[in-house]
C-alpha cells in the first residue's frame, strides 16, 4: 500500500509550522483556525514552498536537501478546496473533465450527479457541489487525496448525509488521504487517526478512541469535547483528590499532584435534581443553563459542566425550566491532564 510521508517546516505569520506525518489511509488534522492545517495541504500539493521532504513512497515531491521541488501538476494529488473552487462559468461535466476526461461519465454516475451534468455550479445544492468537487479531484487519477474542511460549507441537515457518504467513499478508495477540519466530530467520523495541531505543532496523533481515552493535555481534551475543570491535586486513600477553584472536591483514579485539569466527557455525567450521597460519585452543583439537542441526545449545561442525557431525562427532570441541578460522575470516569 502506498504511503505519503512528510517532514516539513514553514514559517507562518506568528509561528513556524513544523510537522512530520506518515499517512497510509485517512488522517485528519484538527485544530483552531490559523493553526497551520491548510498550509500543510498546500505544501503537499506544491502550492506553498517549505523546507523538508514530501514523498509518496520513494517518489520525492519535495526534498530541499536534494534540490527537488516538483510543480503542482507533477504531483499525483487530488485536492478538494474548502469552498470547492468550481468554475462558475462551466457546467458540471466540464468542471469534472477539466481535471481529466477519461472517467467523466463513470464519475458522474458514481457520485449521483449525472442528472445535473449540464447545470452550472450556482444551480446546485451544497451537497451536489461537494460531489462535483470530489469527482473532479478523482478525475486526475490521484495517488493522494487532500480535503480542506470538506463539510464546512454544508448546512447541518445535509452535513450528516454527506459525512456518511464521504466515509464510505474514503474506505472504498483506500488512498492515503489527509483532511483538515476544525470540527472534531467530522474528524472522528472520517479518519483512522486524528492529529491535534496548535500553532503549527502536533500535540497528539492517535485514533479517535485513544484521544478520548488518553488525551495528552488539556487542549486535546477540550478539543475532543470534554469538560475541563481546573484544580489542585493531592493523593487521597488510593485516589487523587482535586480541589476545584469553586471549592468543591472531586476524585479521580488517575495519579497526579499539583495543578491539573480534570477531564470528564458529557456522556460520563448523570443529572439529578437532588444531591446524591453515593460515595463513589463526584457531585457538581450548578444552575441549569443551555439545553439543546445533539442527534438523539440532549446536552445540558449545569454550572461549569455539560452533561449528555436522553430526551426522556430532560422531560422527567424538567430541565428546560432551569433551576438548580446536580451533575454526578464516577472517579473512574475522569482523566487528569497537565495544564
Foldseek 3Di string as FASTA:
>chain_A
DKKKWWFWWDDDDPFIATDTDIFQAEEEEAEDPPLCQVVVVCCQLLNDDTATWIATVPRTCDHVVVPHHHHNLVAQEQEQAQQRPFDQVQFLLVSLCVLPNPCSVVLCVVLVNPVRRGPGPVPDAPLSSLSSSVSSSCNNVGQEYEYEQSQVVHDPVVSVVSLVVQQVVSVVVSHRYYYYDNQLVSRLSRGQKYWYGGNNDTQDIGHLVCLCVPPAADVSLVSNAWQKFKFFWDDDDQWIWTQGPVRFIDIANDDDGGIKIKTAHQAQKDKFADDDPPVQKGKDKAKWDDWADDVQWIWIDGHRGIHIHGPVVCVVRVSVVIDMMMIMGGNHRIDIHHD
